[in-house]
């Protein structure tokens, strides 16, 4: 049981604790008077303004050394390389690849040698290059081929498809190949270049059915991946899940 002698001591400790925040006798807040707080805030304001000015000055000097058209430092390889792209061949597609179950992921986690699902260009129909080797450009109705970047282990949920829009008052008709611009899930997941050596990325062809009223005009087209959990509206990365391009057909 506490004695009466302990009560004044407890009261004194409580008063001392409160005074550390605000002392009514001296007018101090957290051990400083109003003028002291004003001086220290002014010091930090000037100090950080000085640091910001130094940073802006150094950035300005650095940007003066850069050219808008030519990089200051080049790659160590001064001469261009060359590469060879083998011509598409339906027979090789059938020999090296297999027909997979449509609409299902082709999971091969346990298999040492990863098999590849075939993607025949006949799926692109009018944009396959079989019936029209100019891909619609000679007729003023061009085909644009789109694909997703390869990401190891990606399993997109839902039924991903490509949807394109033209930024104009009147809509432009489009045709998608494969139908509805769908990207079949059987091409996922991808296991990397070494394990999945002959992997073929699925394509989606978009044919712009431009009319006479659309000729001689520049059209801004934006295509997005829809119907899945893949992001396509990140303002910090305008290429995430979407792509933009411009088309102008001359008569």
Protein backbone atom coordinates (compact mmCIF):
# COMPACT_ATOMS: atom_id res chain seq x y z
CA UNK A 1 0.00 0.00 0.00
CA UNK A 2 1.47 3.37 -1.08
CA UNK A 3 2.18 5.92 1.63
CA UNK A 4 1.19 9.59 1.51
CA UNK A 5 4.87 10.47 1.05
CA UNK A 6 4.90 8.81 -2.42
CA UNK A 7 2.05 10.94 -3.80
CA UNK A 8 3.96 14.27 -4.00
CA UNK A 9 6.85 12.48 -5.73
CA UNK A 10 4.50 10.94 -8.34
CA UNK A 11 2.84 14.32 -8.89
CA UNK A 12 6.23 15.96 -9.37
CA UNK A 13 7.26 13.32 -11.95
CA UNK A 14 4.02 13.83 -13.90
CA UNK A 15 4.51 17.59 -13.90
CA UNK A 16 8.10 17.21 -15.11
CA UNK A 17 6.95 14.91 -17.94
CA UNK A 18 4.31 17.43 -19.08
CA UNK A 19 6.79 20.30 -18.90
CA UNK A 20 9.04 18.49 -21.36
CA UNK A 21 6.34 19.01 -24.02
CA UNK A 22 5.13 22.43 -22.96
CA UNK A 23 6.47 24.58 -20.13
CA UNK A 24 3.90 27.28 -19.26
CA UNK A 25 6.46 29.19 -17.16
CA UNK A 26 8.99 29.72 -19.99
CA UNK A 27 6.69 29.19 -22.97
CA UNK A 28 8.95 26.44 -24.35
CA UNK A 29 7.63 23.65 -26.59
CA UNK A 30 9.80 20.53 -26.64
CA UNK A 31 12.57 22.52 -25.00
CA UNK A 32 12.55 25.42 -27.46
CA UNK A 33 10.92 28.84 -27.46
CA UNK A 34 8.95 30.14 -30.44
CA UNK A 35 11.89 32.26 -31.64
CA UNK A 36 14.24 29.27 -31.35
CA UNK A 37 11.87 27.10 -33.43
CA UNK A 38 11.57 29.86 -36.03
CA UNK A 39 15.36 30.17 -36.33
CA UNK A 40 15.98 26.43 -36.70
CA UNK A 41 13.17 26.06 -39.27
CA UNK A 42 14.62 28.98 -41.20
CA UNK A 43 18.04 27.34 -41.11
CA UNK A 44 16.73 24.04 -42.52
CA UNK A 45 14.68 25.88 -45.16
CA UNK A 46 17.77 27.73 -46.38
CA UNK A 47 19.89 24.57 -46.12
CA UNK A 48 17.56 22.38 -48.20
CA UNK A 49 16.96 25.17 -50.73
CA UNK A 50 20.74 25.34 -51.13
CA UNK A 51 20.93 21.57 -51.67
CA UNK A 52 18.09 21.69 -54.22
CA UNK A 53 19.84 24.53 -56.03
CA UNK A 54 23.11 22.60 -56.12
CA UNK A 55 21.33 19.54 -57.51
CA UNK A 56 19.56 21.60 -60.18
CA UNK A 57 22.83 23.30 -61.12
CA UNK A 58 24.75 20.04 -61.49
CA UNK A 59 21.92 18.49 -63.56
CA UNK A 60 21.87 21.57 -65.79
CA UNK A 61 25.63 21.39 -66.33
CA UNK A 62 25.38 17.65 -67.06
CA UNK A 63 22.59 18.13 -69.60
CA UNK A 64 24.69 20.77 -71.37
CA UNK A 65 27.24 18.05 -72.16
CA UNK A 66 24.64 15.77 -73.80
CA UNK A 67 23.57 15.90 -77.44
CA UNK A 68 19.91 15.46 -78.39
CA UNK A 69 20.79 13.32 -81.41
CA UNK A 70 24.07 11.52 -80.69
CA UNK A 71 24.89 9.64 -77.45
CA UNK A 72 27.97 10.88 -75.60
CA UNK A 73 29.31 7.35 -75.13
CA UNK A 74 28.97 4.60 -77.72
CA UNK A 75 29.00 0.83 -77.46
CA UNK A 76 32.38 -0.89 -77.47
CA UNK A 77 31.47 -2.64 -80.74
CA UNK A 78 31.87 0.03 -83.45
CA UNK A 79 30.75 -2.12 -86.40
CA UNK A 80 27.27 -3.58 -87.09
CA UNK A 81 26.56 -7.27 -86.88
CA UNK A 82 24.38 -9.40 -89.15
CA UNK A 83 21.69 -11.99 -88.55
CA UNK A 84 19.68 -14.43 -90.63
CA UNK A 85 15.97 -15.16 -90.31
CA UNK A 86 14.90 -18.50 -91.71
CA UNK A 87 11.87 -18.50 -93.99
CA UNK A 88 8.62 -19.73 -92.49
CA UNK A 89 7.93 -23.35 -93.37
CA UNK A 90 4.70 -25.23 -92.57
CA UNK A 91 6.43 -28.60 -92.95
CA UNK A 92 9.06 -27.74 -90.33
CA UNK A 93 6.28 -26.53 -88.05
CA UNK A 94 4.58 -29.92 -88.23
CA UNK A 95 7.86 -31.82 -87.74
CA UNK A 96 9.23 -29.89 -84.76
CA UNK A 97 6.02 -28.97 -82.96
CA UNK A 98 2.84 -30.58 -81.80
CA UNK A 99 -0.84 -29.78 -81.64
CA UNK A 100 -1.75 -28.86 -78.07
CA UNK A 101 -5.12 -28.77 -76.33
CA UNK A 102 -6.83 -25.47 -77.07
CA UNK A 103 -7.68 -23.30 -74.08
CA UNK A 104 -5.42 -25.13 -71.60
CA UNK A 105 -1.99 -24.25 -70.23
CA UNK A 106 0.78 -26.51 -71.55
CA UNK A 107 2.60 -27.11 -68.26
CA UNK A 108 5.84 -29.13 -68.53
CA UNK A 109 7.56 -28.46 -65.21
CA UNK A 110 8.85 -32.02 -64.82
CA UNK A 111 9.90 -32.59 -68.44
CA UNK A 112 13.59 -32.05 -69.15
CA UNK A 113 12.98 -31.36 -72.85
CA UNK A 114 10.17 -28.86 -73.31
CA UNK A 115 7.84 -29.43 -76.24
CA UNK A 116 6.48 -26.63 -78.38
CA UNK A 117 2.93 -25.90 -79.50
CA UNK A 118 2.61 -25.14 -83.19
CA UNK A 119 1.34 -21.83 -84.51
CA UNK A 120 0.51 -22.06 -88.20
CA UNK A 121 0.28 -18.82 -90.08
CA UNK A 122 -2.94 -20.03 -91.66
CA UNK A 123 -4.59 -18.90 -88.40
CA UNK A 124 -3.95 -15.32 -89.51
CA UNK A 125 -6.11 -15.86 -92.64
CA UNK A 126 -6.25 -12.59 -94.63
CA UNK A 127 -3.13 -11.38 -92.80
CA UNK A 128 -1.12 -14.58 -93.18
CA UNK A 129 0.69 -13.52 -96.35
CA UNK A 130 -0.51 -16.64 -98.16
CA UNK A 131 -3.27 -15.10 -100.28
CA UNK A 132 -1.93 -11.53 -100.14
CA UNK A 133 1.82 -11.18 -99.96
CA UNK A 134 1.46 -7.41 -99.45
CA UNK A 135 -0.51 -7.92 -96.21
CA UNK A 136 -3.25 -5.51 -97.30
CA UNK A 137 -0.98 -2.50 -97.77
CA UNK A 138 -1.55 -2.36 -101.53
CA UNK A 139 -5.33 -2.21 -100.96
CA UNK A 140 -5.19 0.51 -98.30
CA UNK A 141 -6.30 -1.92 -95.58
CA UNK A 142 -3.03 -2.83 -93.86
CA UNK A 143 -2.43 -5.72 -91.47
CA UNK A 144 -0.51 -5.16 -88.25
CA UNK A 145 1.01 -8.16 -86.46
CA UNK A 146 1.19 -8.03 -82.66
CA UNK A 147 2.81 -10.30 -80.10
CA UNK A 148 3.49 -10.39 -76.37
CA UNK A 149 6.98 -10.30 -74.90
CA UNK A 150 8.32 -13.60 -73.62
CA UNK A 151 8.12 -13.84 -69.84
CA UNK A 152 9.32 -17.02 -68.15
CA UNK A 153 6.62 -18.78 -66.14
CA UNK A 154 3.81 -16.40 -67.12
CA UNK A 155 0.32 -17.89 -66.72
CA UNK A 156 -2.22 -15.19 -67.61
CA UNK A 157 -5.60 -15.68 -66.03
CA UNK A 158 -8.84 -15.49 -67.96
CA UNK A 159 -8.94 -15.50 -71.76
CA UNK A 160 -6.46 -12.91 -73.05
CA UNK A 161 -7.24 -11.13 -76.29
CA UNK A 162 -6.08 -8.05 -78.17
CA UNK A 163 -8.39 -5.06 -78.56
CA UNK A 164 -7.45 -2.03 -80.67
CA UNK A 165 -9.03 1.41 -80.88
CA UNK A 166 -8.47 4.34 -83.22
CA UNK A 167 -8.47 7.81 -81.73
CA UNK A 168 -11.02 9.58 -83.93
CA UNK A 169 -14.66 10.67 -83.79
CA UNK A 170 -15.98 7.94 -86.09
CA UNK A 171 -14.87 4.36 -85.36
CA UNK A 172 -12.76 2.37 -87.81
CA UNK A 173 -13.77 -1.19 -88.57
CA UNK A 174 -11.17 -3.85 -87.79
CA UNK A 175 -10.79 -7.57 -88.34
CA UNK A 176 -8.84 -9.75 -85.90
CA UNK A 177 -7.02 -13.00 -86.64
CA UNK A 178 -7.27 -15.43 -84.93
CA UNK A 179 -10.94 -14.74 -84.29
CA UNK A 180 -11.65 -12.03 -81.70
CA UNK A 181 -7.90 -11.44 -81.38
CA UNK A 182 -7.59 -14.25 -78.84
CA UNK A 183 -4.24 -15.49 -77.53
CA UNK A 184 -4.60 -19.16 -76.70
CA UNK A 185 -3.41 -20.26 -73.26
CA UNK A 186 -1.74 -23.34 -74.70
CA UNK A 187 1.31 -21.18 -75.52
CA UNK A 188 1.92 -20.57 -71.81
CA UNK A 189 4.07 -20.94 -69.78
CA UNK A 190 7.37 -20.14 -71.45
CA UNK A 191 10.42 -21.87 -69.91
CA UNK A 192 13.27 -19.73 -71.20
CA UNK A 193 15.47 -19.70 -74.26
CA UNK A 194 17.66 -22.63 -73.20
CA UNK A 195 14.91 -24.99 -72.03
CA UNK A 196 12.32 -23.91 -74.63
CA UNK A 197 14.62 -23.64 -77.61
CA UNK A 198 12.06 -23.80 -80.45
CA UNK A 199 9.31 -21.88 -78.66
CA UNK A 200 6.98 -19.98 -80.99
CA UNK A 201 5.21 -16.85 -79.81
CA UNK A 202 1.54 -16.59 -80.78
CA UNK A 203 0.65 -13.70 -83.07
CA UNK A 204 -2.49 -11.63 -83.42
CA UNK A 205 -3.13 -9.84 -86.71
CA UNK A 206 -5.24 -6.69 -86.83
CA UNK A 207 -6.52 -5.64 -90.25
CA UNK A 208 -7.59 -1.99 -90.46
CA UNK A 209 -10.60 -1.79 -92.77
CA UNK A 210 -10.08 1.82 -93.79
CA UNK A 211 -12.57 3.50 -96.13
CA UNK A 212 -12.13 6.29 -98.66
CA UNK A 213 -12.93 8.88 -96.02
CA UNK A 214 -9.98 7.59 -93.98
CA UNK A 215 -7.40 8.04 -96.73
CA UNK A 216 -4.66 10.70 -96.56
CA UNK A 217 -5.16 11.00 -92.81
CA UNK A 218 -2.91 9.94 -89.96
CA UNK A 219 -4.66 7.60 -87.53
CA UNK A 220 -3.42 6.92 -83.99
CA UNK A 221 -4.06 3.31 -82.99
CA UNK A 222 -3.74 1.84 -79.50
CA UNK A 223 -3.89 -1.91 -78.85
CA UNK A 224 -4.24 -3.46 -75.39
CA UNK A 225 -4.26 -6.91 -73.84
CA UNK A 226 -7.74 -7.43 -72.38
CA UNK A 227 -9.65 -10.20 -70.61
CA UNK A 228 -6.87 -11.10 -68.20
CA UNK A 229 -5.02 -10.01 -65.06
CA UNK A 230 -2.17 -8.52 -67.11
CA UNK A 231 -1.80 -4.78 -66.49
CA UNK A 232 -2.52 -2.44 -69.39
CA UNK A 233 -3.19 0.95 -67.79
CA UNK A 234 -0.05 1.78 -65.82
CA UNK A 235 0.58 5.49 -66.38
CA UNK A 236 4.23 5.10 -65.37
CA UNK A 237 4.89 2.58 -68.15
CA UNK A 238 2.94 3.33 -71.33
CA UNK A 239 4.17 0.12 -73.01
CA UNK A 240 2.99 -2.24 -70.27
CA UNK A 241 0.28 -4.43 -71.80
CA UNK A 242 -0.33 -2.01 -74.67
CA UNK A 243 1.24 -0.49 -77.75
CA UNK A 244 0.53 2.63 -79.79
CA UNK A 245 1.34 3.33 -83.43
CA UNK A 246 0.25 5.58 -86.28
CA UNK A 247 -1.04 4.61 -89.72
CA UNK A 248 -1.43 6.83 -92.77
CA UNK A 249 -2.65 5.44 -96.10
CA UNK A 250 -2.21 7.56 -99.22
CA UNK A 251 -4.44 7.25 -102.26
